Structure formats: structure tokens, C-alpha cells
C-alpha atoms as a PDB file:
ATOM      1  CA  UNK A   1      -1.775 105.100 -61.797  1.00  0.00           C
ATOM      2  CA  UNK A   2       1.284 103.026 -62.654  1.00  0.00           C
ATOM      3  CA  UNK A   3       1.318  99.303 -62.829  1.00  0.00           C
ATOM      4  CA  UNK A   4       2.852  97.506 -59.870  1.00  0.00           C
ATOM      5  CA  UNK A   5       4.698  94.292 -60.198  1.00  0.00           C
ATOM      6  CA  UNK A   6       4.712  92.032 -57.224  1.00  0.00           C
ATOM      7  CA  UNK A   7       7.536  89.633 -56.764  1.00  0.00           C
ATOM      8  CA  UNK A   8       6.493  86.327 -55.362  1.00  0.00           C
ATOM      9  CA  UNK A   9       8.799  85.208 -52.640  1.00  0.00           C
ATOM     10  CA  UNK A  10       9.612  81.557 -52.890  1.00  0.00           C
ATOM     11  CA  UNK A  11      10.201  79.520 -49.817  1.00  0.00           C
ATOM     12  CA  UNK A  12      13.853  78.733 -49.424  1.00  0.00           C
ATOM     13  CA  UNK A  13      14.678  75.172 -50.358  1.00  0.00           C
ATOM     14  CA  UNK A  14      15.566  73.217 -47.246  1.00  0.00           C
ATOM     15  CA  UNK A  15      17.327  69.920 -48.009  1.00  0.00           C
ATOM     16  CA  UNK A  16      16.457  66.763 -46.139  1.00  0.00           C
ATOM     17  CA  UNK A  17      18.541  66.206 -43.077  1.00  0.00           C
ATOM     18  CA  UNK A  18      20.083  63.184 -44.726  1.00  0.00           C
ATOM     19  CA  UNK A  19      21.105  63.799 -48.302  1.00  0.00           C
ATOM     20  CA  UNK A  20      21.164  60.089 -49.116  1.00  0.00           C
ATOM     21  CA  UNK A  21      18.373  57.867 -50.337  1.00  0.00           C
ATOM     22  CA  UNK A  22      16.764  54.789 -48.825  1.00  0.00           C
ATOM     23  CA  UNK A  23      17.435  51.490 -50.537  1.00  0.00           C
ATOM     24  CA  UNK A  24      16.108  47.965 -50.024  1.00  0.00           C
ATOM     25  CA  UNK A  25      18.508  45.133 -49.180  1.00  0.00           C
ATOM     26  CA  UNK A  26      17.874  41.420 -48.867  1.00  0.00           C
ATOM     27  CA  UNK A  27      20.061  39.230 -46.697  1.00  0.00           C
ATOM     28  CA  UNK A  28      19.885  35.937 -44.822  1.00  0.00           C
ATOM     29  CA  UNK A  29      18.307  37.911 -41.986  1.00  0.00           C
ATOM     30  CA  UNK A  30      15.443  39.245 -44.127  1.00  0.00           C
ATOM     31  CA  UNK A  31      14.415  42.341 -46.049  1.00  0.00           C
ATOM     32  CA  UNK A  32      15.761  45.696 -44.849  1.00  0.00           C
ATOM     33  CA  UNK A  33      15.431  49.351 -45.717  1.00  0.00           C
ATOM     34  CA  UNK A  34      18.851  50.966 -45.450  1.00  0.00           C
ATOM     35  CA  UNK A  35      20.081  54.537 -45.531  1.00  0.00           C
ATOM     36  CA  UNK A  36      23.655  55.863 -45.406  1.00  0.00           C
ATOM     37  CA  UNK A  37      23.921  58.779 -43.009  1.00  0.00           C
ATOM     38  CA  UNK A  38      26.675  61.295 -43.767  1.00  0.00           C
ATOM     39  CA  UNK A  39      28.628  62.593 -40.812  1.00  0.00           C
ATOM     40  CA  UNK A  40      27.249  66.097 -41.313  1.00  0.00           C
ATOM     41  CA  UNK A  41      23.724  64.774 -40.628  1.00  0.00           C
ATOM     42  CA  UNK A  42      24.651  62.823 -37.528  1.00  0.00           C
ATOM     43  CA  UNK A  43      24.036  64.877 -34.399  1.00  0.00           C
ATOM     44  CA  UNK A  44      23.627  62.151 -31.769  1.00  0.00           C
ATOM     45  CA  UNK A  45      25.626  59.245 -30.399  1.00  0.00           C
ATOM     46  CA  UNK A  46      24.358  55.728 -31.116  1.00  0.00           C
ATOM     47  CA  UNK A  47      25.384  52.211 -30.140  1.00  0.00           C
ATOM     48  CA  UNK A  48      26.086  49.831 -33.023  1.00  0.00           C
ATOM     49  CA  UNK A  49      24.238  46.501 -32.566  1.00  0.00           C
ATOM     50  CA  UNK A  50      26.949  44.723 -34.581  1.00  0.00           C
ATOM     51  CA  UNK A  51      29.928  45.460 -32.342  1.00  0.00           C
ATOM     52  CA  UNK A  52      28.250  47.071 -29.319  1.00  0.00           C
ATOM     53  CA  UNK A  53      30.554  50.101 -29.646  1.00  0.00           C
ATOM     54  CA  UNK A  54      29.466  53.733 -29.810  1.00  0.00           C
ATOM     55  CA  UNK A  55      29.014  55.652 -33.051  1.00  0.00           C
ATOM     56  CA  UNK A  56      29.972  59.235 -32.164  1.00  0.00           C
ATOM     57  CA  UNK A  57      28.067  62.249 -33.440  1.00  0.00           C
ATOM     58  CA  UNK A  58      29.466  63.437 -36.756  1.00  0.00           C
ATOM     59  CA  UNK A  59      30.622  59.986 -37.898  1.00  0.00           C
ATOM     60  CA  UNK A  60      29.086  58.554 -41.092  1.00  0.00           C
ATOM     61  CA  UNK A  61      27.121  55.350 -40.507  1.00  0.00           C
ATOM     62  CA  UNK A  62      24.180  53.248 -41.726  1.00  0.00           C
ATOM     63  CA  UNK A  63      20.585  53.189 -40.479  1.00  0.00           C
ATOM     64  CA  UNK A  64      18.601  50.005 -41.140  1.00  0.00           C
ATOM     65  CA  UNK A  65      15.087  48.851 -40.276  1.00  0.00           C
ATOM     66  CA  UNK A  66      12.909  45.895 -41.307  1.00  0.00           C
ATOM     67  CA  UNK A  67      11.145  46.365 -44.638  1.00  0.00           C
ATOM     68  CA  UNK A  68       8.082  44.453 -43.426  1.00  0.00           C
ATOM     69  CA  UNK A  69       4.778  46.258 -43.057  1.00  0.00           C
ATOM     70  CA  UNK A  70       5.062  46.131 -39.289  1.00  0.00           C
ATOM     71  CA  UNK A  71       8.460  47.864 -39.242  1.00  0.00           C
ATOM     72  CA  UNK A  72       8.339  51.241 -37.516  1.00  0.00           C
ATOM     73  CA  UNK A  73      10.577  54.126 -36.530  1.00  0.00           C
ATOM     74  CA  UNK A  74      11.250  52.311 -33.254  1.00  0.00           C
ATOM     75  CA  UNK A  75      12.806  49.429 -35.225  1.00  0.00           C
ATOM     76  CA  UNK A  76      15.573  51.576 -36.768  1.00  0.00           C
ATOM     77  CA  UNK A  77      19.115  50.701 -35.756  1.00  0.00           C
ATOM     78  CA  UNK A  78      22.293  52.683 -36.383  1.00  0.00           C
ATOM     79  CA  UNK A  79      25.274  50.591 -37.517  1.00  0.00           C
ATOM     80  CA  UNK A  80      28.902  51.191 -38.418  1.00  0.00           C
ATOM     81  CA  UNK A  81      29.058  50.588 -42.185  1.00  0.00           C
ATOM     82  CA  UNK A  82      31.544  47.671 -41.887  1.00  0.00           C
ATOM     83  CA  UNK A  83      29.440  46.079 -39.130  1.00  0.00           C
ATOM     84  CA  UNK A  84      26.325  46.287 -41.318  1.00  0.00           C
ATOM     85  CA  UNK A  85      28.169  44.770 -44.284  1.00  0.00           C
ATOM     86  CA  UNK A  86      29.492  41.837 -42.245  1.00  0.00           C
ATOM     87  CA  UNK A  87      26.393  41.178 -40.128  1.00  0.00           C
ATOM     88  CA  UNK A  88      25.793  37.762 -41.758  1.00  0.00           C
ATOM     89  CA  UNK A  89      29.203  36.598 -40.481  1.00  0.00           C
ATOM     90  CA  UNK A  90      28.567  37.485 -36.848  1.00  0.00           C
ATOM     91  CA  UNK A  91      27.038  35.543 -34.018  1.00  0.00           C
ATOM     92  CA  UNK A  92      24.285  37.088 -31.923  1.00  0.00           C
ATOM     93  CA  UNK A  93      25.814  39.526 -29.475  1.00  0.00           C
ATOM     94  CA  UNK A  94      28.268  40.997 -31.965  1.00  0.00           C
ATOM     95  CA  UNK A  95      31.068  38.428 -31.744  1.00  0.00           C
ATOM     96  CA  UNK A  96      32.717  37.063 -34.878  1.00  0.00           C
ATOM     97  CA  UNK A  97      32.733  33.328 -35.577  1.00  0.00           C
END
């Protein structure tokens, strides 16, 4: 009887939905975990807490949440990148000084 060779089938590599990495940022408002979300990974509409405008599906943006131990998935907020960068210069409610 001949020898059979069996090919192992590998599971297809499925990339993470967001191809970017999470980084830590420190600001006057505390410690944050931040991730850039490419437009190709954005399937929903969100409201930016910095300017109170909508972030449409498919538009690149930033997701940030508190780095503290008590931070959870419910604490994540989706921001326009410029709004996130200038958050220290804004008053509460999204209005500039």
C-alpha cells in the first residue's frame, strides 16, 4: 500500500478589524488609550464629543477611552482626529475658547 501524504489545512489569516495599534497618551485630562481607526474599518456613524458633529461611516477617526483600571468598552468615544488633538483647548460642550 502506498504512502499517503495529508496536507494540513491552515486557517485563513483574518486581520483585526482595525489594522492600527492602541497607544497610551497623557494629557491635562488624564491617561488615555487611543486607537486610529481607518475609514475602511468604520462601518457605523458616531457623534464626536469634541465638536458634537457626526462622524460618517467610512471616515477615518480616533477612538479613545480612559486608561484607568475602571475604564470599560462603554467608556470609548469616537473623535475626529483634529478634535482629539485640540481637546485641551476646548471648553466643555465642544466650544473653543
